Amino acid sequence: MNRPQAYISFEVYEDGIDLLGIAKATLPDVSYLTSTITGAGMMGNIETPLAGMIDVMTLNLQFLSVTGAASKLLVPKKHHIDLRAVEQYWDTSEVELGFTKQKHVMTVLPKKMSPGTIAPVTAADASGEFSVYYYAAFENGNSLWEIDPFNQIFSVGGVDYWADIRKGLGL
């Protein structure tokens, strides 16, 4: 059994090739939209998450400093971001360390940028906030999820939970 320990390192790329700098990422929350069901035959209200209907997703990136590459993310256009991470784990059956490769791929638009602070012997802590229009995650090359609201794709573990809905809509 693999017991995750910690991320070893990660890199932030744009378009899969341009390294954007040393950063820290806060990945988007994936929250379902909900509907409240109430009425005759009910004892109160029930909140039900709607299959594959996802609320707003936001990516936050914090950089040690304002770099030329990272500042390009302020351009008001879509950006293809991929975060590549390696996580260390402990394999309890083999009694040794192992590593998992993760990749988070997003199409984003800039919402906000903060150049951070300038002070002696400190990092600037520059940051950016981005609206996420597409989000896919992979572990060791296997798809964990793909969320594409514009193309009505909601897939988790290789199962497209919106396939029947698209079919019902004639898409």
Protein backbone atom coordinates (compact mmCIF):
# COMPACT_ATOMS: atom_id res chain seq x y z
CA MET A 1 0.00 0.00 0.00
CA ASN A 2 1.28 3.46 -0.88
CA ARG A 3 1.21 6.12 1.83
CA PRO A 4 1.61 9.66 0.42
CA GLN A 5 4.21 11.72 2.29
CA ALA A 6 4.77 15.08 0.58
CA TYR A 7 5.27 16.84 -2.71
CA ILE A 8 8.96 16.84 -3.63
CA SER A 9 8.72 19.65 -6.19
CA PHE A 10 6.61 21.07 -8.99
CA GLU A 11 6.86 23.40 -11.96
CA VAL A 12 4.41 25.82 -13.59
CA TYR A 13 4.34 25.90 -17.39
CA GLU A 14 2.37 27.84 -19.98
CA ASP A 15 1.57 26.07 -23.24
CA GLY A 16 3.52 23.07 -21.95
CA ILE A 17 6.89 24.67 -22.70
CA ASP A 18 7.37 28.04 -21.01
CA LEU A 19 8.55 27.68 -17.41
CA LEU A 20 6.90 30.52 -15.48
CA GLY A 21 9.00 30.56 -12.32
CA ILE A 22 9.13 29.32 -8.76
CA ALA A 23 5.59 29.22 -7.48
CA LYS A 24 3.05 27.85 -5.07
CA ALA A 25 -0.39 26.88 -6.38
CA THR A 26 -3.78 26.69 -4.73
CA LEU A 27 -5.77 24.38 -6.97
CA PRO A 28 -9.41 25.09 -7.82
CA ASP A 29 -12.19 23.81 -5.60
CA VAL A 30 -14.61 21.60 -7.50
CA SER A 31 -18.05 22.34 -6.04
CA TYR A 32 -21.32 21.02 -7.38
CA LEU A 33 -24.22 23.39 -7.90
CA THR A 34 -27.16 22.38 -5.75
CA SER A 35 -30.92 22.59 -5.83
CA THR A 36 -33.22 22.62 -2.80
CA ILE A 37 -36.13 20.23 -3.00
CA THR A 38 -39.20 21.10 -0.95
CA GLY A 39 -42.94 20.56 -1.13
CA ALA A 40 -45.78 18.16 -0.46
CA GLY A 41 -44.67 14.73 0.68
CA MET A 42 -41.41 16.12 2.09
CA MET A 43 -40.53 16.58 5.73
CA GLY A 44 -38.57 19.82 5.26
CA ASN A 45 -35.97 20.64 2.64
CA ILE A 46 -33.34 18.50 0.94
CA GLU A 47 -30.33 19.93 -0.83
CA THR A 48 -29.26 17.85 -3.82
CA PRO A 49 -26.01 18.28 -5.77
CA LEU A 50 -26.64 18.34 -9.52
CA ALA A 51 -24.60 15.78 -11.48
CA GLY A 52 -21.64 17.43 -13.16
CA MET A 53 -22.96 20.97 -12.69
CA ILE A 54 -19.87 22.76 -11.40
CA ASP A 55 -19.65 26.15 -9.72
CA VAL A 56 -16.97 28.74 -10.51
CA MET A 57 -13.40 27.40 -10.31
CA THR A 58 -10.42 29.62 -9.41
CA LEU A 59 -6.67 28.96 -9.59
CA ASN A 60 -4.32 30.95 -7.37
CA LEU A 61 -0.60 31.14 -8.12
CA GLN A 62 1.97 32.72 -5.81
CA PHE A 63 5.43 33.49 -7.16
CA LEU A 64 8.58 34.38 -5.22
CA SER A 65 9.02 37.42 -7.43
CA VAL A 66 7.50 39.17 -10.44
CA THR A 67 9.27 37.52 -13.38
CA GLY A 68 8.89 38.47 -17.02
CA ALA A 69 7.50 35.02 -17.79
CA ALA A 70 4.96 35.06 -14.95
CA SER A 71 3.87 38.62 -15.77
CA LYS A 72 2.69 37.35 -19.19
CA LEU A 73 -0.19 35.71 -17.31
CA LEU A 74 -1.67 39.19 -16.87
CA VAL A 75 -2.36 39.41 -20.63
CA PRO A 76 -6.19 39.34 -21.02
CA LYS A 77 -6.37 36.15 -23.08
CA LYS A 78 -6.75 32.45 -22.40
CA HIS A 79 -3.70 30.77 -20.94
CA HIS A 80 -2.96 27.04 -21.02
CA ILE A 81 -1.35 26.23 -17.68
CA ASP A 82 0.07 22.95 -16.60
CA LEU A 83 1.36 22.20 -13.16
CA ARG A 84 3.72 19.23 -12.98
CA ALA A 85 4.33 17.77 -9.54
CA VAL A 86 6.14 14.79 -8.05
CA GLU A 87 4.86 13.40 -4.77
CA GLN A 88 6.87 11.05 -2.57
CA TYR A 89 5.14 8.08 -0.99
CA TRP A 90 6.11 5.19 1.25
CA ASP A 91 5.36 1.74 -0.19
CA THR A 92 4.44 -0.28 2.91
CA SER A 93 4.52 -3.68 1.16
CA GLU A 94 7.96 -3.17 -0.44
CA VAL A 95 9.21 -1.05 2.50
CA GLU A 96 10.72 1.63 0.27
CA LEU A 97 10.14 5.10 -1.15
CA GLY A 98 8.32 5.69 -4.40
CA PHE A 99 7.25 8.67 -6.48
CA THR A 100 3.97 9.62 -8.14
CA LYS A 101 3.86 12.01 -11.11
CA GLN A 102 0.92 14.40 -11.18
CA LYS A 103 -0.17 16.89 -13.79
CA HIS A 104 -2.93 19.51 -13.52
CA VAL A 105 -3.92 21.08 -16.86
CA MET A 106 -6.06 24.21 -16.98
CA THR A 107 -7.31 26.83 -19.39
CA VAL A 108 -7.53 30.08 -17.44
CA LEU A 109 -8.21 33.80 -17.78
CA PRO A 110 -6.59 36.34 -15.44
CA LYS A 111 -8.81 37.94 -12.79
CA LYS A 112 -6.33 39.64 -10.51
CA MET A 113 -2.61 40.19 -10.04
CA SER A 114 -0.70 41.39 -7.00
CA PRO A 115 2.97 42.30 -7.48
CA GLY A 116 3.53 41.60 -3.76
CA THR A 117 5.93 43.50 -1.54
CA ILE A 118 9.46 44.83 -1.81
CA ALA A 119 11.60 44.58 1.31
CA PRO A 120 15.19 43.60 2.07
CA VAL A 121 15.94 39.88 2.39
CA THR A 122 12.38 38.76 1.52
CA ALA A 123 10.50 37.23 -1.38
CA ALA A 124 8.02 39.48 -3.16
CA ASP A 125 5.13 37.01 -2.80
CA ALA A 126 3.64 38.10 -6.10
CA SER A 127 0.33 36.37 -6.88
CA GLY A 128 -2.34 35.94 -9.48
CA GLU A 129 -5.93 34.74 -9.44
CA PHE A 130 -7.41 33.07 -12.52
CA SER A 131 -10.86 31.95 -13.69
CA VAL A 132 -10.66 28.30 -14.72
CA TYR A 133 -12.51 27.34 -17.90
CA TYR A 134 -11.10 23.79 -18.21
CA TYR A 135 -9.51 21.53 -15.62
CA ALA A 136 -8.03 18.05 -16.02
CA ALA A 137 -5.83 16.12 -13.61
CA PHE A 138 -3.60 13.11 -14.21
CA GLU A 139 -1.62 10.74 -11.99
CA ASN A 140 1.15 8.66 -13.57
CA GLY A 141 -0.45 9.38 -16.96
CA ASN A 142 -3.92 8.16 -15.93
CA SER A 143 -6.87 10.57 -16.01
CA LEU A 144 -8.27 11.47 -12.59
CA TRP A 145 -10.85 13.93 -13.90
CA GLU A 146 -11.71 16.24 -16.78
CA ILE A 147 -14.10 19.14 -16.32
CA ASP A 148 -15.00 21.13 -19.44
CA PRO A 149 -18.17 23.21 -18.89
CA PHE A 150 -18.22 24.67 -22.43
CA ASN A 151 -18.13 21.22 -24.07
CA GLN A 152 -20.31 19.66 -21.35
CA ILE A 153 -17.74 17.08 -20.29
CA PHE A 154 -17.61 15.84 -16.71
CA SER A 155 -15.42 12.76 -16.45
CA VAL A 156 -14.01 11.18 -13.29
CA GLY A 157 -11.72 8.16 -13.39
CA GLY A 158 -12.36 7.73 -17.12
CA VAL A 159 -16.16 7.67 -16.75
CA ASP A 160 -17.96 10.52 -18.55
CA TYR A 161 -20.91 11.25 -16.28
CA TRP A 162 -22.40 13.68 -18.78
CA ALA A 163 -22.47 11.29 -21.76
CA ASP A 164 -26.15 10.37 -21.18
CA ILE A 165 -27.08 14.01 -20.58
CA ARG A 166 -25.43 15.11 -23.87
CA LYS A 167 -27.17 12.22 -25.63
CA GLY A 168 -30.52 13.30 -24.14
CA LEU A 169 -29.89 16.81 -25.45
CA GLY A 170 -29.10 15.50 -28.93
CA LEU A 171 -25.45 16.52 -28.74
